[in-house]
Amino acid sequence: MLDHLKDESEVTSEKYKKLAIYYSNRAAVHLKMENYGLAINDADEAINYDPNYPKSYYRKADGLISIDKYKEARACLKRVVVEMKV
């Protein structure tokens, strides 16, 4: 019975990782279209699904820089470089 629960949690984890990638990619599209608020929102969603996916932080930082929120952008980039060691 525990093996069954473990398998379900792994499936859920994989779904969350895929959702993070989808939202992060959509954030990239919003950045290209200069929809910075939507890009930041999608990057936040991606971070919620997988806080260890570095592209989400980069894309959020890119959106924040575009609206002159440099301190917040720096915090995103710092998380990637220092905590994730990317």
N, C-alpha and C. Protein backbone atom coordinates (compact mmCIF):
# COMPACT_ATOMS: atom_id res chain seq x y z
N MET A 1 0.82 -1.19 0.00
CA MET A 1 0.00 0.00 0.00
C MET A 1 0.87 1.26 0.00
N LEU A 2 1.95 1.31 0.73
CA LEU A 2 2.82 2.48 0.75
C LEU A 2 3.49 2.71 -0.60
N ASP A 3 3.81 1.62 -1.30
CA ASP A 3 4.41 1.77 -2.63
C ASP A 3 3.45 2.50 -3.58
N HIS A 4 2.18 2.20 -3.45
CA HIS A 4 1.17 2.86 -4.28
C HIS A 4 1.14 4.37 -4.01
N LEU A 5 1.20 4.76 -2.76
CA LEU A 5 1.20 6.17 -2.41
C LEU A 5 2.46 6.85 -2.91
N LYS A 6 3.58 6.16 -2.83
CA LYS A 6 4.84 6.72 -3.30
C LYS A 6 4.77 6.98 -4.80
N ASP A 7 4.21 6.03 -5.53
CA ASP A 7 4.08 6.19 -6.98
C ASP A 7 3.21 7.39 -7.32
N GLU A 8 2.11 7.58 -6.59
CA GLU A 8 1.24 8.72 -6.85
C GLU A 8 1.96 10.03 -6.60
N SER A 9 2.74 10.09 -5.54
CA SER A 9 3.46 11.33 -5.24
C SER A 9 4.50 11.61 -6.31
N GLU A 10 5.11 10.58 -6.86
CA GLU A 10 6.08 10.79 -7.93
C GLU A 10 5.39 11.31 -9.19
N VAL A 11 4.21 10.79 -9.48
CA VAL A 11 3.46 11.26 -10.64
C VAL A 11 3.08 12.72 -10.44
N THR A 12 2.62 13.06 -9.25
CA THR A 12 2.25 14.44 -8.97
C THR A 12 3.48 15.34 -9.09
N SER A 13 4.60 14.88 -8.59
CA SER A 13 5.83 15.66 -8.69
C SER A 13 6.21 15.91 -10.15
N GLU A 14 6.08 14.90 -10.97
CA GLU A 14 6.37 15.05 -12.40
C GLU A 14 5.41 16.03 -13.06
N LYS A 15 4.15 15.96 -12.69
CA LYS A 15 3.16 16.89 -13.24
C LYS A 15 3.52 18.32 -12.86
N TYR A 16 3.91 18.52 -11.61
CA TYR A 16 4.28 19.86 -11.17
C TYR A 16 5.50 20.38 -11.92
N LYS A 17 6.46 19.51 -12.15
CA LYS A 17 7.66 19.92 -12.91
C LYS A 17 7.28 20.33 -14.33
N LYS A 18 6.39 19.56 -14.95
CA LYS A 18 5.95 19.91 -16.31
C LYS A 18 5.17 21.21 -16.32
N LEU A 19 4.31 21.40 -15.32
CA LEU A 19 3.56 22.65 -15.24
C LEU A 19 4.50 23.84 -15.06
N ALA A 20 5.55 23.66 -14.28
CA ALA A 20 6.54 24.72 -14.09
C ALA A 20 7.19 25.08 -15.43
N ILE A 21 7.51 24.09 -16.21
CA ILE A 21 8.12 24.34 -17.52
C ILE A 21 7.13 25.06 -18.43
N TYR A 22 5.88 24.63 -18.44
CA TYR A 22 4.88 25.29 -19.29
C TYR A 22 4.71 26.76 -18.91
N TYR A 23 4.55 27.03 -17.62
CA TYR A 23 4.37 28.42 -17.18
C TYR A 23 5.61 29.25 -17.44
N SER A 24 6.77 28.66 -17.25
CA SER A 24 8.01 29.38 -17.51
C SER A 24 8.15 29.71 -19.00
N ASN A 25 7.80 28.77 -19.85
CA ASN A 25 7.84 29.03 -21.30
C ASN A 25 6.84 30.11 -21.69
N ARG A 26 5.67 30.07 -21.08
CA ARG A 26 4.67 31.10 -21.39
C ARG A 26 5.15 32.46 -20.90
N ALA A 27 5.86 32.48 -19.78
CA ALA A 27 6.45 33.73 -19.29
C ALA A 27 7.43 34.28 -20.32
N ALA A 28 8.20 33.40 -20.95
CA ALA A 28 9.15 33.83 -21.98
C ALA A 28 8.42 34.46 -23.17
N VAL A 29 7.30 33.90 -23.53
CA VAL A 29 6.50 34.47 -24.63
C VAL A 29 5.98 35.85 -24.24
N HIS A 30 5.49 35.97 -23.02
CA HIS A 30 5.01 37.28 -22.55
C HIS A 30 6.14 38.31 -22.55
N LEU A 31 7.34 37.88 -22.19
CA LEU A 31 8.47 38.81 -22.22
C LEU A 31 8.72 39.32 -23.64
N LYS A 32 8.68 38.42 -24.60
CA LYS A 32 8.90 38.81 -26.01
C LYS A 32 7.82 39.78 -26.48
N MET A 33 6.61 39.61 -25.95
CA MET A 33 5.49 40.47 -26.35
C MET A 33 5.42 41.73 -25.49
N GLU A 34 6.39 41.88 -24.59
CA GLU A 34 6.47 43.03 -23.68
C GLU A 34 5.29 43.13 -22.72
N ASN A 35 4.71 41.98 -22.39
CA ASN A 35 3.65 41.89 -21.38
C ASN A 35 4.32 41.51 -20.06
N TYR A 36 5.00 42.46 -19.45
CA TYR A 36 5.86 42.16 -18.32
C TYR A 36 5.11 41.69 -17.08
N GLY A 37 3.97 42.28 -16.82
CA GLY A 37 3.18 41.84 -15.67
C GLY A 37 2.73 40.39 -15.81
N LEU A 38 2.28 40.02 -17.01
CA LEU A 38 1.86 38.64 -17.24
C LEU A 38 3.05 37.69 -17.17
N ALA A 39 4.19 38.15 -17.64
CA ALA A 39 5.41 37.33 -17.57
C ALA A 39 5.78 37.05 -16.11
N ILE A 40 5.71 38.07 -15.30
CA ILE A 40 6.04 37.92 -13.88
C ILE A 40 5.03 36.98 -13.21
N ASN A 41 3.77 37.13 -13.53
CA ASN A 41 2.74 36.25 -12.96
C ASN A 41 2.98 34.79 -13.33
N ASP A 42 3.28 34.55 -14.61
CA ASP A 42 3.53 33.17 -15.04
C ASP A 42 4.81 32.62 -14.43
N ALA A 43 5.81 33.44 -14.29
CA ALA A 43 7.05 32.99 -13.64
C ALA A 43 6.77 32.63 -12.19
N ASP A 44 5.94 33.42 -11.53
CA ASP A 44 5.56 33.10 -10.15
C ASP A 44 4.82 31.76 -10.07
N GLU A 45 3.93 31.51 -11.01
CA GLU A 45 3.22 30.23 -11.05
C GLU A 45 4.21 29.08 -11.24
N ALA A 46 5.15 29.27 -12.14
CA ALA A 46 6.16 28.25 -12.37
C ALA A 46 6.96 27.98 -11.10
N ILE A 47 7.32 29.03 -10.39
CA ILE A 47 8.07 28.89 -9.14
C ILE A 47 7.24 28.15 -8.10
N ASN A 48 5.93 28.41 -8.07
CA ASN A 48 5.05 27.70 -7.13
C ASN A 48 5.03 26.20 -7.41
N TYR A 49 5.04 25.83 -8.69
CA TYR A 49 4.99 24.42 -9.05
C TYR A 49 6.34 23.73 -8.85
N ASP A 50 7.42 24.42 -9.15
CA ASP A 50 8.75 23.82 -8.97
C ASP A 50 9.74 24.91 -8.57
N PRO A 51 9.95 25.10 -7.28
CA PRO A 51 10.86 26.15 -6.83
C PRO A 51 12.33 25.91 -7.17
N ASN A 52 12.63 24.77 -7.74
CA ASN A 52 14.02 24.45 -8.10
C ASN A 52 14.28 24.56 -9.59
N TYR A 53 13.37 25.17 -10.33
CA TYR A 53 13.54 25.34 -11.77
C TYR A 53 14.11 26.75 -12.03
N PRO A 54 15.40 26.84 -12.33
CA PRO A 54 16.05 28.15 -12.38
C PRO A 54 15.55 29.10 -13.47
N LYS A 55 15.07 28.57 -14.58
CA LYS A 55 14.60 29.46 -15.66
C LYS A 55 13.45 30.34 -15.20
N SER A 56 12.63 29.83 -14.30
CA SER A 56 11.50 30.62 -13.80
C SER A 56 11.98 31.88 -13.11
N TYR A 57 13.03 31.75 -12.31
CA TYR A 57 13.58 32.91 -11.60
C TYR A 57 14.22 33.89 -12.58
N TYR A 58 14.91 33.35 -13.57
CA TYR A 58 15.53 34.22 -14.57
C TYR A 58 14.46 35.01 -15.33
N ARG A 59 13.39 34.34 -15.71
CA ARG A 59 12.34 35.02 -16.47
C ARG A 59 11.59 36.03 -15.60
N LYS A 60 11.41 35.70 -14.35
CA LYS A 60 10.79 36.68 -13.44
C LYS A 60 11.71 37.89 -13.31
N ALA A 61 13.00 37.66 -13.14
CA ALA A 61 13.96 38.76 -13.02
C ALA A 61 13.96 39.61 -14.28
N ASP A 62 13.89 38.99 -15.43
CA ASP A 62 13.86 39.72 -16.70
C ASP A 62 12.65 40.65 -16.74
N GLY A 63 11.49 40.14 -16.33
CA GLY A 63 10.29 40.97 -16.29
C GLY A 63 10.40 42.10 -15.29
N LEU A 64 10.97 41.81 -14.13
CA LEU A 64 11.13 42.84 -13.10
C LEU A 64 12.10 43.94 -13.55
N ILE A 65 13.16 43.56 -14.21
CA ILE A 65 14.11 44.55 -14.74
C ILE A 65 13.41 45.45 -15.75
N SER A 66 12.55 44.86 -16.54
CA SER A 66 11.84 45.64 -17.57
C SER A 66 10.90 46.69 -16.99
N ILE A 67 10.48 46.49 -15.75
CA ILE A 67 9.61 47.49 -15.10
C ILE A 67 10.36 48.21 -13.97
N ASP A 68 11.67 48.18 -14.06
CA ASP A 68 12.55 48.93 -13.14
C ASP A 68 12.46 48.49 -11.68
N LYS A 69 12.23 47.24 -11.44
CA LYS A 69 12.21 46.70 -10.07
C LYS A 69 13.50 45.90 -9.87
N TYR A 70 14.59 46.63 -9.75
CA TYR A 70 15.92 46.02 -9.74
C TYR A 70 16.21 45.21 -8.48
N LYS A 71 15.76 45.67 -7.34
CA LYS A 71 16.03 44.94 -6.09
C LYS A 71 15.35 43.57 -6.10
N GLU A 72 14.10 43.54 -6.57
CA GLU A 72 13.39 42.27 -6.65
C GLU A 72 14.04 41.34 -7.67
N ALA A 73 14.48 41.92 -8.78
CA ALA A 73 15.15 41.12 -9.81
C ALA A 73 16.45 40.54 -9.27
N ARG A 74 17.18 41.35 -8.53
CA ARG A 74 18.44 40.89 -7.94
C ARG A 74 18.19 39.71 -7.00
N ALA A 75 17.13 39.77 -6.23
CA ALA A 75 16.80 38.68 -5.31
C ALA A 75 16.52 37.38 -6.07
N CYS A 76 15.82 37.49 -7.19
CA CYS A 76 15.55 36.30 -8.01
C CYS A 76 16.84 35.70 -8.55
N LEU A 77 17.69 36.55 -9.08
CA LEU A 77 18.94 36.07 -9.65
C LEU A 77 19.88 35.53 -8.58
N LYS A 78 19.85 36.15 -7.42
CA LYS A 78 20.68 35.67 -6.32
C LYS A 78 20.25 34.26 -5.91
N ARG A 79 18.97 34.03 -5.89
CA ARG A 79 18.46 32.69 -5.55
C ARG A 79 19.01 31.65 -6.51
N VAL A 80 19.04 31.97 -7.77
CA VAL A 80 19.55 31.03 -8.77
C VAL A 80 21.04 30.79 -8.58
N VAL A 81 21.79 31.86 -8.47
CA VAL A 81 23.26 31.74 -8.43
C VAL A 81 23.75 31.17 -7.11
N VAL A 82 23.25 31.69 -5.99
CA VAL A 82 23.78 31.31 -4.69
C VAL A 82 23.15 30.02 -4.18
N GLU A 83 21.84 29.96 -4.15
CA GLU A 83 21.18 28.81 -3.54
C GLU A 83 21.15 27.59 -4.45
N MET A 84 20.96 27.81 -5.75
CA MET A 84 20.90 26.67 -6.68
C MET A 84 22.27 26.34 -7.26
N LYS A 85 23.20 27.25 -7.09
CA LYS A 85 24.57 27.07 -7.59
C LYS A 85 24.59 26.74 -9.08
N VAL A 86 23.83 27.53 -9.82
CA VAL A 86 23.79 27.36 -11.28
C VAL A 86 24.82 28.26 -11.91
